[in-house]
Amino acid sequence: MMAMMMMRQSRRRMVSMGPRLFSSVTGSGSGSGSGSGVVVVGGMNIMDNDWMAVRNYASTTTSTVGQALQGGEMEKEKKKVKENIGAVASYWGVQPGKLAKKDGTDWKWSCFRPGETYQADLSIDLNKHHVPVTFMDKLAYWTVKSLRWPTDLFFQRRYGCRAMMLETVAAVPGMVGGLLLHCKSLRRFEHSGGWIKALLEEAENERMHLMTFMEVAKPRWYERALVFTVQGVFFNAYFLGYMISPKFAHRVVGYLEEEAIHSYTEFLKELDKGNIENVPAPAIAIDYWQMPAGSTLRDVVMVVRADEAHHRDVNHFASDIHYQGRELRELPAPLGYH
């Protein structure tokens, strides 16, 4: 009953809005509907040869709403809509071009492009550690250590969920740092030395970690609620901390990355013991890190751990620059450091 009512309402709206949305304007030499006629759809000019596609799209959408809702075929309906909408000429000309892999197959991801993929450097030294000497360093170190206890208590040995949840926080510092450096660059009319892009690259890389682990572990309702709380608190705390002392903020992230390396090492141990199933690597991970076919979850954890080690180096390096009384822009940023 509800589906039938929605279908009728959709038809009524299309009929009532028709005169406003679908009006034709005849160009030169198009008096009979052939030639270079133009149709105005919602403010967009569409040529005659695309007009039938627009009408078909409108009629298909309204006539199949009830069927999609009744038959539980929403995914199929979305696919049809996507195919039909592609026939509508864009007035703005901003539709993305078709992308392909090196082997010529279609590129299926919209969240990153082939040029943004890379092979992780697994040879990086995982044991590097910045020994805290100054008061600021010790404060940063013990702040991170104090955060580990409730994390261990909450997640225990559920490393898949742990990784997924922690990545929702790990992507915050790079975005906050990049934002503040961006605003600083605008205020002072000066270059950033590439550090804005470097920090945003870090944030995007951490977000891709999350997109990957979402394919492995599904968050529960209370874990989703936890993300809202922790992310909200951490974002504002880190924003304030970076405003007060960038060298402290970067040192905190450096120690956070050291803890991340430890967590992923424990993850690998559980995989090797067989306590966690070594499932096939998600397709998004294989494309993002240019991994060979047949890669597994263990391979994914290896490349993610290597990423965290690179983020550790970048943030400790940034903090050291500030400790020397210099600004980040004075030294070139390590762009593309993976």
C-alpha atoms as a PDB file:
ATOM      1  CA  MET A   1       0.000   0.000   0.000  1.00  0.00           C
ATOM      2  CA  MET A   2       2.772   2.419   0.957  1.00  0.00           C
ATOM      3  CA  ALA A   3       4.645   1.636  -2.257  1.00  0.00           C
ATOM      4  CA  MET A   4       1.545   2.327  -4.394  1.00  0.00           C
ATOM      5  CA  MET A   5       0.973   5.663  -2.644  1.00  0.00           C
ATOM      6  CA  MET A   6       4.592   6.709  -3.245  1.00  0.00           C
ATOM      7  CA  MET A   7       4.289   5.758  -6.912  1.00  0.00           C
ATOM      8  CA  ARG A   8       1.120   7.849  -7.362  1.00  0.00           C
ATOM      9  CA  GLN A   9       2.727  10.827  -5.603  1.00  0.00           C
ATOM     10  CA  SER A  10       5.780  10.582  -7.863  1.00  0.00           C
ATOM     11  CA  ARG A  11       3.580  10.604 -10.967  1.00  0.00           C
ATOM     12  CA  ARG A  12       1.572  13.602  -9.722  1.00  0.00           C
ATOM     13  CA  ARG A  13       4.786  15.555  -9.077  1.00  0.00           C
ATOM     14  CA  MET A  14       6.124  14.812 -12.530  1.00  0.00           C
ATOM     15  CA  VAL A  15       2.840  15.947 -14.113  1.00  0.00           C
ATOM     16  CA  SER A  16       2.618  19.138 -12.027  1.00  0.00           C
ATOM     17  CA  MET A  17       6.287  20.022 -12.546  1.00  0.00           C
ATOM     18  CA  GLY A  18       6.361  19.099 -16.215  1.00  0.00           C
ATOM     19  CA  PRO A  19       5.565  22.568 -17.622  1.00  0.00           C
ATOM     20  CA  ARG A  20       8.280  24.074 -15.465  1.00  0.00           C
ATOM     21  CA  LEU A  21      10.990  21.479 -15.928  1.00  0.00           C
ATOM     22  CA  PHE A  22      10.438  20.329 -19.494  1.00  0.00           C
ATOM     23  CA  SER A  23      10.055  23.225 -21.941  1.00  0.00           C
ATOM     24  CA  SER A  24      11.477  23.400 -25.439  1.00  0.00           C
ATOM     25  CA  VAL A  25      13.246  26.299 -27.062  1.00  0.00           C
ATOM     26  CA  THR A  26      13.718  26.182 -30.783  1.00  0.00           C
ATOM     27  CA  GLY A  27      17.039  27.246 -32.182  1.00  0.00           C
ATOM     28  CA  SER A  28      17.707  28.441 -35.673  1.00  0.00           C
ATOM     29  CA  GLY A  29      16.517  26.035 -38.322  1.00  0.00           C
ATOM     30  CA  SER A  30      14.742  23.693 -35.868  1.00  0.00           C
ATOM     31  CA  GLY A  31      11.105  24.565 -36.358  1.00  0.00           C
ATOM     32  CA  SER A  32       9.964  20.975 -36.917  1.00  0.00           C
ATOM     33  CA  GLY A  33      11.809  19.478 -33.955  1.00  0.00           C
ATOM     34  CA  SER A  34      14.761  18.262 -35.989  1.00  0.00           C
ATOM     35  CA  GLY A  35      18.102  19.900 -36.443  1.00  0.00           C
ATOM     36  CA  SER A  36      19.665  21.878 -33.575  1.00  0.00           C
ATOM     37  CA  GLY A  37      16.719  22.138 -31.207  1.00  0.00           C
ATOM     38  CA  VAL A  38      17.491  22.731 -27.541  1.00  0.00           C
ATOM     39  CA  VAL A  39      15.502  21.559 -24.537  1.00  0.00           C
ATOM     40  CA  VAL A  40      15.687  23.279 -21.164  1.00  0.00           C
ATOM     41  CA  VAL A  41      15.667  20.837 -18.215  1.00  0.00           C
ATOM     42  CA  GLY A  42      15.894  22.333 -14.752  1.00  0.00           C
ATOM     43  CA  GLY A  43      17.987  25.209 -16.091  1.00  0.00           C
ATOM     44  CA  MET A  44      20.223  23.001 -18.303  1.00  0.00           C
ATOM     45  CA  ASN A  45      20.300  23.176 -22.107  1.00  0.00           C
ATOM     46  CA  ILE A  46      20.095  19.720 -23.673  1.00  0.00           C
ATOM     47  CA  MET A  47      20.240  18.910 -27.353  1.00  0.00           C
ATOM     48  CA  ASP A  48      17.355  17.126 -29.139  1.00  0.00           C
ATOM     49  CA  ASN A  49      19.213  13.834 -29.453  1.00  0.00           C
ATOM     50  CA  ASP A  50      19.461  13.672 -25.629  1.00  0.00           C
ATOM     51  CA  TRP A  51      15.846  14.697 -24.999  1.00  0.00           C
ATOM     52  CA  MET A  52      14.363  11.237 -25.444  1.00  0.00           C
ATOM     53  CA  ALA A  53      16.866   9.887 -22.927  1.00  0.00           C
ATOM     54  CA  VAL A  54      15.748  12.507 -20.408  1.00  0.00           C
ATOM     55  CA  ARG A  55      12.062  11.653 -20.931  1.00  0.00           C
ATOM     56  CA  ASN A  56      12.787   7.953 -20.671  1.00  0.00           C
ATOM     57  CA  TYR A  57      14.738   8.566 -17.463  1.00  0.00           C
ATOM     58  CA  ALA A  58      11.846  10.515 -15.918  1.00  0.00           C
ATOM     59  CA  SER A  59       9.202   7.953 -16.900  1.00  0.00           C
ATOM     60  CA  THR A  60      11.371   5.010 -15.848  1.00  0.00           C
ATOM     61  CA  THR A  61      12.086   6.554 -12.448  1.00  0.00           C
ATOM     62  CA  THR A  62       8.432   7.276 -11.629  1.00  0.00           C
ATOM     63  CA  SER A  63       7.036   3.996 -12.935  1.00  0.00           C
ATOM     64  CA  THR A  64       9.485   1.735 -11.139  1.00  0.00           C
ATOM     65  CA  VAL A  65       9.481   3.255  -7.646  1.00  0.00           C
ATOM     66  CA  GLY A  66       6.751   0.914  -6.427  1.00  0.00           C
ATOM     67  CA  GLN A  67       8.346  -2.134  -8.038  1.00  0.00           C
ATOM     68  CA  ALA A  68      11.748  -1.393  -6.516  1.00  0.00           C
ATOM     69  CA  LEU A  69      10.283  -0.916  -3.045  1.00  0.00           C
ATOM     70  CA  GLN A  70       8.009  -3.935  -3.268  1.00  0.00           C
ATOM     71  CA  GLY A  71      10.547  -6.337  -4.779  1.00  0.00           C
ATOM     72  CA  GLY A  72      13.479  -5.259  -2.650  1.00  0.00           C
ATOM     73  CA  GLU A  73      15.476  -4.437  -5.781  1.00  0.00           C
ATOM     74  CA  MET A  74      16.775  -1.058  -4.691  1.00  0.00           C
ATOM     75  CA  GLU A  75      20.318  -1.818  -5.860  1.00  0.00           C
ATOM     76  CA  LYS A  76      19.106  -2.699  -9.344  1.00  0.00           C
ATOM     77  CA  GLU A  77      17.043   0.487  -9.427  1.00  0.00           C
ATOM     78  CA  LYS A  78      20.076   2.563  -8.440  1.00  0.00           C
ATOM     79  CA  LYS A  79      22.036   0.982 -11.272  1.00  0.00           C
ATOM     80  CA  LYS A  80      19.284   1.811 -13.775  1.00  0.00           C
ATOM     81  CA  VAL A  81      19.110   5.407 -12.560  1.00  0.00           C
ATOM     82  CA  LYS A  82      22.887   5.723 -12.849  1.00  0.00           C
ATOM     83  CA  GLU A  83      22.822   4.426 -16.408  1.00  0.00           C
ATOM     84  CA  ASN A  84      19.940   6.703 -17.419  1.00  0.00           C
ATOM     85  CA  ILE A  85      21.339   9.798 -15.768  1.00  0.00           C
ATOM     86  CA  GLY A  86      24.533   9.294 -17.740  1.00  0.00           C
ATOM     87  CA  ALA A  87      22.572  10.068 -20.915  1.00  0.00           C
ATOM     88  CA  VAL A  88      21.775  13.581 -19.686  1.00  0.00           C
ATOM     89  CA  ALA A  89      24.189  16.128 -21.125  1.00  0.00           C
ATOM     90  CA  SER A  90      25.852  18.142 -18.352  1.00  0.00           C
ATOM     91  CA  TYR A  91      25.642  21.882 -18.821  1.00  0.00           C
ATOM     92  CA  TRP A  92      28.686  22.344 -16.587  1.00  0.00           C
ATOM     93  CA  GLY A  93      30.872  19.776 -18.310  1.00  0.00           C
ATOM     94  CA  VAL A  94      32.370  18.459 -15.059  1.00  0.00           C
ATOM     95  CA  GLN A  95      31.540  14.774 -15.396  1.00  0.00           C
ATOM     96  CA  PRO A  96      34.691  12.683 -14.749  1.00  0.00           C
ATOM     97  CA  GLY A  97      36.432  10.910 -17.561  1.00  0.00           C
ATOM     98  CA  LYS A  98      36.595   7.163 -17.784  1.00  0.00           C
ATOM     99  CA  LEU A  99      39.594   5.706 -15.947  1.00  0.00           C
ATOM    100  CA  ALA A 100      41.330   2.389 -16.520  1.00  0.00           C
ATOM    101  CA  LYS A 101      44.023   0.285 -14.902  1.00  0.00           C
ATOM    102  CA  LYS A 102      47.360  -0.409 -16.557  1.00  0.00           C
ATOM    103  CA  ASP A 103      45.961  -3.637 -17.956  1.00  0.00           C
ATOM    104  CA  GLY A 104      43.101  -1.745 -19.620  1.00  0.00           C
ATOM    105  CA  THR A 105      40.318  -2.898 -17.273  1.00  0.00           C
ATOM    106  CA  ASP A 106      37.880  -0.337 -15.884  1.00  0.00           C
ATOM    107  CA  TRP A 107      38.803   1.566 -12.724  1.00  0.00           C
ATOM    108  CA  LYS A 108      36.040   0.953 -10.179  1.00  0.00           C
ATOM    109  CA  TRP A 109      36.993   3.383  -7.386  1.00  0.00           C
ATOM    110  CA  SER A 110      35.847   6.988  -7.128  1.00  0.00           C
ATOM    111  CA  CYS A 111      37.591   7.759  -3.813  1.00  0.00           C
ATOM    112  CA  PHE A 112      41.084   7.604  -5.330  1.00  0.00           C
ATOM    113  CA  ARG A 113      42.658   7.593  -8.787  1.00  0.00           C
ATOM    114  CA  PRO A 114      45.232   5.270 -10.391  1.00  0.00           C
ATOM    115  CA  GLY A 115      47.893   7.977 -10.057  1.00  0.00           C
ATOM    116  CA  GLU A 116      47.431   8.021  -6.280  1.00  0.00           C
ATOM    117  CA  THR A 117      48.267   4.339  -5.819  1.00  0.00           C
ATOM    118  CA  TYR A 118      51.716   3.142  -4.753  1.00  0.00           C
ATOM    119  CA  GLN A 119      53.711   0.220  -3.440  1.00  0.00           C
ATOM    120  CA  ALA A 120      54.459   0.447   0.272  1.00  0.00           C
ATOM    121  CA  ASP A 121      58.093   0.479   1.395  1.00  0.00           C
ATOM    122  CA  LEU A 122      58.238  -2.511   3.721  1.00  0.00           C
ATOM    123  CA  SER A 123      61.950  -2.067   4.374  1.00  0.00           C
ATOM    124  CA  ILE A 124      61.420   0.921   6.670  1.00  0.00           C
ATOM    125  CA  ASP A 125      62.881   0.637  10.177  1.00  0.00           C
ATOM    126  CA  LEU A 126      59.995  -0.172  12.529  1.00  0.00           C
ATOM    127  CA  ASN A 127      62.051   0.159  15.719  1.00  0.00           C
ATOM    128  CA  LYS A 128      62.875   3.863  15.563  1.00  0.00           C
ATOM    129  CA  HIS A 129      61.874   5.703  18.718  1.00  0.00           C
ATOM    130  CA  HIS A 130      62.201   9.299  19.848  1.00  0.00           C
ATOM    131  CA  VAL A 131      63.464   9.267  23.429  1.00  0.00           C
ATOM    132  CA  PRO A 132      61.582  11.960  25.371  1.00  0.00           C
ATOM    133  CA  VAL A 133      64.007  14.404  26.985  1.00  0.00           C
ATOM    134  CA  THR A 134      62.281  17.753  27.398  1.00  0.00           C
ATOM    135  CA  PHE A 135      59.213  18.337  29.511  1.00  0.00           C
ATOM    136  CA  MET A 136      57.112  18.806  26.382  1.00  0.00           C
ATOM    137  CA  ASP A 137      58.296  15.493  24.951  1.00  0.00           C
ATOM    138  CA  LYS A 138      57.590  13.643  28.192  1.00  0.00           C
ATOM    139  CA  LEU A 139      54.135  15.191  28.368  1.00  0.00           C
ATOM    140  CA  ALA A 140      53.407  14.050  24.814  1.00  0.00           C
ATOM    141  CA  TYR A 141      54.787  10.562  25.497  1.00  0.00           C
ATOM    142  CA  TRP A 142      52.790   9.926  28.672  1.00  0.00           C
ATOM    143  CA  THR A 143      49.650  11.447  27.165  1.00  0.00           C
ATOM    144  CA  VAL A 144      49.766   8.809  24.438  1.00  0.00           C
ATOM    145  CA  LYS A 145      50.621   6.034  26.914  1.00  0.00           C
ATOM    146  CA  SER A 146      47.647   6.998  29.087  1.00  0.00           C
ATOM    147  CA  LEU A 147      45.333   6.676  26.087  1.00  0.00           C
ATOM    148  CA  ARG A 148      46.470   3.143  25.372  1.00  0.00           C
ATOM    149  CA  TRP A 149      45.072   1.637  28.599  1.00  0.00           C
ATOM    150  CA  PRO A 150      41.351   2.314  27.899  1.00  0.00           C
ATOM    151  CA  THR A 151      41.893   1.290  24.263  1.00  0.00           C
ATOM    152  CA  ASP A 152      43.344  -2.088  25.280  1.00  0.00           C
ATOM    153  CA  LEU A 153      40.555  -2.560  27.811  1.00  0.00           C
ATOM    154  CA  PHE A 154      37.807  -1.825  25.287  1.00  0.00           C
ATOM    155  CA  PHE A 155      39.074  -3.754  22.250  1.00  0.00           C
ATOM    156  CA  GLN A 156      41.270  -6.396  23.898  1.00  0.00           C
ATOM    157  CA  ARG A 157      42.252  -8.874  21.139  1.00  0.00           C
ATOM    158  CA  ARG A 158      39.745  -7.707  18.521  1.00  0.00           C
ATOM    159  CA  TYR A 159      42.427  -6.171  16.327  1.00  0.00           C
ATOM    160  CA  GLY A 160      40.245  -5.840  13.244  1.00  0.00           C
ATOM    161  CA  CYS A 161      37.746  -3.637  15.057  1.00  0.00           C
ATOM    162  CA  ARG A 162      40.565  -1.901  16.906  1.00  0.00           C
ATOM    163  CA  ALA A 163      42.299  -0.957  13.653  1.00  0.00           C
ATOM    164  CA  MET A 164      39.081   0.252  12.056  1.00  0.00           C
ATOM    165  CA  MET A 165      38.046   2.368  15.022  1.00  0.00           C
ATOM    166  CA  LEU A 166      41.475   3.893  15.637  1.00  0.00           C
ATOM    167  CA  GLU A 167      41.805   4.931  11.989  1.00  0.00           C
ATOM    168  CA  THR A 168      38.741   7.149  12.450  1.00  0.00           C
ATOM    169  CA  VAL A 169      40.882   9.145  14.890  1.00  0.00           C
ATOM    170  CA  ALA A 170      44.252   8.747  13.168  1.00  0.00           C
ATOM    171  CA  ALA A 171      43.026  10.660  10.106  1.00  0.00           C
ATOM    172  CA  VAL A 172      42.269  13.761  12.191  1.00  0.00           C
ATOM    173  CA  PRO A 173      45.768  15.226  12.959  1.00  0.00           C
ATOM    174  CA  GLY A 174      46.850  15.551   9.328  1.00  0.00           C
ATOM    175  CA  MET A 175      43.621  17.287   8.393  1.00  0.00           C
ATOM    176  CA  VAL A 176      43.773  19.665  11.363  1.00  0.00           C
ATOM    177  CA  GLY A 177      47.446  20.480  10.802  1.00  0.00           C
ATOM    178  CA  GLY A 178      46.903  21.021   7.082  1.00  0.00           C
ATOM    179  CA  LEU A 179      43.896  23.246   7.755  1.00  0.00           C
ATOM    180  CA  LEU A 180      45.746  25.463  10.227  1.00  0.00           C
ATOM    181  CA  LEU A 181      48.824  25.729   7.998  1.00  0.00           C
ATOM    182  CA  HIS A 182      46.547  26.595   5.079  1.00  0.00           C
ATOM    183  CA  CYS A 183      44.946  29.448   7.031  1.00  0.00           C
ATOM    184  CA  LYS A 184      48.384  30.600   8.234  1.00  0.00           C
ATOM    185  CA  SER A 185      49.665  30.672   4.660  1.00  0.00           C
ATOM    186  CA  LEU A 186      46.714  32.826   3.620  1.00  0.00           C
ATOM    187  CA  ARG A 187      47.111  35.240   6.542  1.00  0.00           C
ATOM    188  CA  ARG A 188      50.824  35.723   6.023  1.00  0.00           C
ATOM    189  CA  PHE A 189      50.848  35.672   2.215  1.00  0.00           C
ATOM    190  CA  GLU A 190      53.584  33.028   2.208  1.00  0.00           C
ATOM    191  CA  HIS A 191      54.249  29.529   0.891  1.00  0.00           C
ATOM    192  CA  SER A 192      53.995  26.490   3.143  1.00  0.00           C
ATOM    193  CA  GLY A 193      56.977  24.605   1.778  1.00  0.00           C
ATOM    194  CA  GLY A 194      54.648  21.802   0.720  1.00  0.00           C
ATOM    195  CA  TRP A 195      53.652  20.953   4.285  1.00  0.00           C
ATOM    196  CA  ILE A 196      49.952  21.595   3.721  1.00  0.00           C
ATOM    197  CA  LYS A 197      49.876  18.957   1.016  1.00  0.00           C
ATOM    198  CA  ALA A 198      52.074  16.582   3.017  1.00  0.00           C
ATOM    199  CA  LEU A 199      49.749  16.651   6.030  1.00  0.00           C
ATOM    200  CA  LEU A 200      46.634  16.298   3.900  1.00  0.00           C
ATOM    201  CA  GLU A 201      48.272  13.329   2.167  1.00  0.00           C
ATOM    202  CA  GLU A 202      48.742  11.774   5.592  1.00  0.00           C
ATOM    203  CA  ALA A 203      45.094  12.344   6.492  1.00  0.00           C
ATOM    204  CA  GLU A 204      43.930  10.811   3.211  1.00  0.00           C
ATOM    205  CA  ASN A 205      46.220   7.822   3.643  1.00  0.00           C
ATOM    206  CA  GLU A 206      44.830   7.176   7.128  1.00  0.00           C
ATOM    207  CA  ARG A 207      41.307   7.432   5.751  1.00  0.00           C
ATOM    208  CA  MET A 208      42.147   4.816   3.142  1.00  0.00           C
ATOM    209  CA  HIS A 209      43.252   2.544   5.993  1.00  0.00           C
ATOM    210  CA  LEU A 210      39.744   2.942   7.390  1.00  0.00           C
ATOM    211  CA  MET A 211      38.092   2.237   4.026  1.00  0.00           C
ATOM    212  CA  THR A 212      40.143  -0.962   3.849  1.00  0.00           C
ATOM    213  CA  PHE A 213      39.418  -2.268   7.339  1.00  0.00           C
ATOM    214  CA  MET A 214      35.715  -1.534   6.878  1.00  0.00           C
ATOM    215  CA  GLU A 215      35.761  -4.454   4.427  1.00  0.00           C
ATOM    216  CA  VAL A 216      37.224  -6.735   7.106  1.00  0.00           C
ATOM    217  CA  ALA A 217      35.397  -5.765  10.297  1.00  0.00           C
ATOM    218  CA  LYS A 218      31.895  -4.360  10.645  1.00  0.00           C
ATOM    219  CA  PRO A 219      31.409  -1.873  13.514  1.00  0.00           C
ATOM    220  CA  ARG A 220      28.689  -2.494  16.075  1.00  0.00           C
ATOM    221  CA  TRP A 221      26.193   0.195  17.010  1.00  0.00           C
ATOM    222  CA  TYR A 222      27.977   1.154  20.219  1.00  0.00           C
ATOM    223  CA  GLU A 223      31.306   1.328  18.381  1.00  0.00           C
ATOM    224  CA  ARG A 224      29.784   3.753  15.897  1.00  0.00           C
ATOM    225  CA  ALA A 225      28.520   5.822  18.831  1.00  0.00           C
ATOM    226  CA  LEU A 226      32.010   5.746  20.313  1.00  0.00           C
ATOM    227  CA  VAL A 227      33.423   7.228  17.098  1.00  0.00           C
ATOM    228  CA  PHE A 228      31.220  10.320  17.459  1.00  0.00           C
ATOM    229  CA  THR A 229      32.387  10.879  21.014  1.00  0.00           C
ATOM    230  CA  VAL A 230      36.094  10.162  20.627  1.00  0.00           C
ATOM    231  CA  GLN A 231      36.465  11.945  17.294  1.00  0.00           C
ATOM    232  CA  GLY A 232      34.650  15.026  18.571  1.00  0.00           C
ATOM    233  CA  VAL A 233      36.808  15.256  21.696  1.00  0.00           C
ATOM    234  CA  PHE A 234      40.057  14.473  19.901  1.00  0.00           C
ATOM    235  CA  PHE A 235      39.452  16.897  17.025  1.00  0.00           C
ATOM    236  CA  ASN A 236      38.881  19.847  19.324  1.00  0.00           C
ATOM    237  CA  ALA A 237      41.691  18.885  21.705  1.00  0.00           C
ATOM    238  CA  TYR A 238      44.181  18.473  18.866  1.00  0.00           C
ATOM    239  CA  PHE A 239      43.007  21.693  17.191  1.00  0.00           C
ATOM    240  CA  LEU A 240      43.626  23.607  20.419  1.00  0.00           C
ATOM    241  CA  GLY A 241      46.931  21.824  21.024  1.00  0.00           C
ATOM    242  CA  TYR A 242      48.197  22.660  17.536  1.00  0.00           C
ATOM    243  CA  MET A 243      47.206  26.306  17.952  1.00  0.00           C
ATOM    244  CA  ILE A 244      49.149  26.504  21.217  1.00  0.00           C
ATOM    245  CA  SER A 245      52.194  24.394  20.309  1.00  0.00           C
ATOM    246  CA  PRO A 246      52.690  22.726  16.908  1.00  0.00           C
ATOM    247  CA  LYS A 247      55.854  21.020  18.134  1.00  0.00           C
ATOM    248  CA  PHE A 248      53.884  19.355  20.946  1.00  0.00           C
ATOM    249  CA  ALA A 249      51.070  18.366  18.580  1.00  0.00           C
ATOM    250  CA  HIS A 250      53.415  16.750  16.057  1.00  0.00           C
ATOM    251  CA  ARG A 251      55.281  14.951  18.846  1.00  0.00           C
ATOM    252  CA  VAL A 252      52.007  13.511  20.117  1.00  0.00           C
ATOM    253  CA  VAL A 253      51.236  12.171  16.635  1.00  0.00           C
ATOM    254  CA  GLY A 254      54.741  10.744  16.369  1.00  0.00           C
ATOM    255  CA  TYR A 255      54.188   8.748  19.558  1.00  0.00           C
ATOM    256  CA  LEU A 256      50.689   7.756  18.445  1.00  0.00           C
ATOM    257  CA  GLU A 257      52.196   6.291  15.287  1.00  0.00           C
ATOM    258  CA  GLU A 258      54.737   4.377  17.367  1.00  0.00           C
ATOM    259  CA  GLU A 259      51.819   2.840  19.266  1.00  0.00           C
ATOM    260  CA  ALA A 260      50.078   2.072  15.977  1.00  0.00           C
ATOM    261  CA  ILE A 261      53.157   0.154  14.808  1.00  0.00           C
ATOM    262  CA  HIS A 262      53.039  -1.873  18.032  1.00  0.00           C
ATOM    263  CA  SER A 263      49.299  -2.586  17.609  1.00  0.00           C
ATOM    264  CA  TYR A 264      49.727  -3.799  14.021  1.00  0.00           C
ATOM    265  CA  THR A 265      52.662  -5.963  15.080  1.00  0.00           C
ATOM    266  CA  GLU A 266      50.384  -7.630  17.645  1.00  0.00           C
ATOM    267  CA  PHE A 267      47.759  -7.974  14.918  1.00  0.00           C
ATOM    268  CA  LEU A 268      50.292  -9.866  12.793  1.00  0.00           C
ATOM    269  CA  LYS A 269      51.163 -12.164  15.699  1.00  0.00           C
ATOM    270  CA  GLU A 270      47.499 -13.118  16.121  1.00  0.00           C
ATOM    271  CA  LEU A 271      47.249 -13.811  12.386  1.00  0.00           C
ATOM    272  CA  ASP A 272      50.348 -16.014  12.482  1.00  0.00           C
ATOM    273  CA  LYS A 273      48.985 -17.952  15.465  1.00  0.00           C
ATOM    274  CA  GLY A 274      45.746 -18.580  13.591  1.00  0.00           C
ATOM    275  CA  ASN A 275      43.629 -16.742  16.161  1.00  0.00           C
ATOM    276  CA  ILE A 276      42.447 -14.408  13.386  1.00  0.00           C
ATOM    277  CA  GLU A 277      41.489 -15.799  10.001  1.00  0.00           C
ATOM    278  CA  ASN A 278      43.852 -14.695   7.243  1.00  0.00           C
ATOM    279  CA  VAL A 279      41.137 -13.826   4.741  1.00  0.00           C
ATOM    280  CA  PRO A 280      41.798 -12.556   1.185  1.00  0.00           C
ATOM    281  CA  ALA A 281      42.763  -8.894   0.953  1.00  0.00           C
ATOM    282  CA  PRO A 282      39.914  -6.515   0.065  1.00  0.00           C
ATOM    283  CA  ALA A 283      39.864  -5.394  -3.557  1.00  0.00           C
ATOM    284  CA  ILE A 284      40.308  -1.761  -2.538  1.00  0.00           C
ATOM    285  CA  ALA A 285      43.568  -2.634  -0.753  1.00  0.00           C
ATOM    286  CA  ILE A 286      44.938  -4.526  -3.746  1.00  0.00           C
ATOM    287  CA  ASP A 287      44.350  -1.543  -6.033  1.00  0.00           C
ATOM    288  CA  TYR A 288      45.446   1.173  -3.573  1.00  0.00           C
ATOM    289  CA  TRP A 289      48.758  -0.446  -2.602  1.00  0.00           C
ATOM    290  CA  GLN A 290      49.323  -2.124  -5.987  1.00  0.00           C
ATOM    291  CA  MET A 291      49.358  -5.505  -4.291  1.00  0.00           C
ATOM    292  CA  PRO A 292      49.580  -8.732  -6.295  1.00  0.00           C
ATOM    293  CA  ALA A 293      46.510 -10.879  -6.823  1.00  0.00           C
ATOM    294  CA  GLY A 294      46.047 -13.419  -4.076  1.00  0.00           C
ATOM    295  CA  SER A 295      47.223 -11.077  -1.309  1.00  0.00           C
ATOM    296  CA  THR A 296      45.784 -11.688   2.140  1.00  0.00           C
ATOM    297  CA  LEU A 297      44.847  -9.744   5.249  1.00  0.00           C
ATOM    298  CA  ARG A 298      48.350 -10.309   6.575  1.00  0.00           C
ATOM    299  CA  ASP A 299      49.790  -8.513   3.550  1.00  0.00           C
ATOM    300  CA  VAL A 300      47.386  -5.625   4.155  1.00  0.00           C
ATOM    301  CA  VAL A 301      48.450  -5.285   7.794  1.00  0.00           C
ATOM    302  CA  MET A 302      52.092  -5.266   6.668  1.00  0.00           C
ATOM    303  CA  VAL A 303      51.619  -2.331   4.278  1.00  0.00           C
ATOM    304  CA  VAL A 304      49.454  -0.402   6.742  1.00  0.00           C
ATOM    305  CA  ARG A 305      52.114  -0.820   9.433  1.00  0.00           C
ATOM    306  CA  ALA A 306      54.708   0.510   6.989  1.00  0.00           C
ATOM    307  CA  ASP A 307      52.491   3.551   6.335  1.00  0.00           C
ATOM    308  CA  GLU A 308      52.279   4.231  10.064  1.00  0.00           C
ATOM    309  CA  ALA A 309      56.070   4.091  10.333  1.00  0.00           C
ATOM    310  CA  HIS A 310      56.345   6.744   7.616  1.00  0.00           C
ATOM    311  CA  HIS A 311      53.815   8.946   9.428  1.00  0.00           C
ATOM    312  CA  ARG A 312      55.870   8.499  12.611  1.00  0.00           C
ATOM    313  CA  ASP A 313      58.985   9.806  10.847  1.00  0.00           C
ATOM    314  CA  VAL A 314      57.208  12.783   9.271  1.00  0.00           C
ATOM    315  CA  ASN A 315      55.660  13.987  12.533  1.00  0.00           C
ATOM    316  CA  HIS A 316      58.781  13.551  14.663  1.00  0.00           C
ATOM    317  CA  PHE A 317      60.684  15.388  11.914  1.00  0.00           C
ATOM    318  CA  ALA A 318      58.134  18.225  11.963  1.00  0.00           C
ATOM    319  CA  SER A 319      58.393  18.480  15.736  1.00  0.00           C
ATOM    320  CA  ASP A 320      62.209  18.582  15.561  1.00  0.00           C
ATOM    321  CA  ILE A 321      62.012  21.483  13.104  1.00  0.00           C
ATOM    322  CA  HIS A 322      59.957  23.480  15.601  1.00  0.00           C
ATOM    323  CA  TYR A 323      62.322  22.542  18.441  1.00  0.00           C
ATOM    324  CA  GLN A 324      65.159  24.093  16.463  1.00  0.00           C
ATOM    325  CA  GLY A 325      63.280  27.382  16.428  1.00  0.00           C
ATOM    326  CA  ARG A 326      62.404  27.182  12.735  1.00  0.00           C
ATOM    327  CA  GLU A 327      59.125  26.977  10.833  1.00  0.00           C
ATOM    328  CA  LEU A 328      58.008  24.064   8.703  1.00  0.00           C
ATOM    329  CA  ARG A 329      58.001  26.105   5.513  1.00  0.00           C
ATOM    330  CA  GLU A 330      61.772  26.624   5.832  1.00  0.00           C
ATOM    331  CA  LEU A 331      62.423  22.966   5.040  1.00  0.00           C
ATOM    332  CA  PRO A 332      60.842  21.159   2.074  1.00  0.00           C
ATOM    333  CA  ALA A 333      58.056  18.778   3.072  1.00  0.00           C
ATOM    334  CA  PRO A 334      58.534  15.032   2.417  1.00  0.00           C
ATOM    335  CA  LEU A 335      55.799  14.844  -0.234  1.00  0.00           C
ATOM    336  CA  GLY A 336      54.952  11.355  -1.403  1.00  0.00           C
ATOM    337  CA  TYR A 337      56.891   9.785   1.462  1.00  0.00           C
ATOM    338  CA  HIS A 338      55.356   6.303   1.656  1.00  0.00           C
END
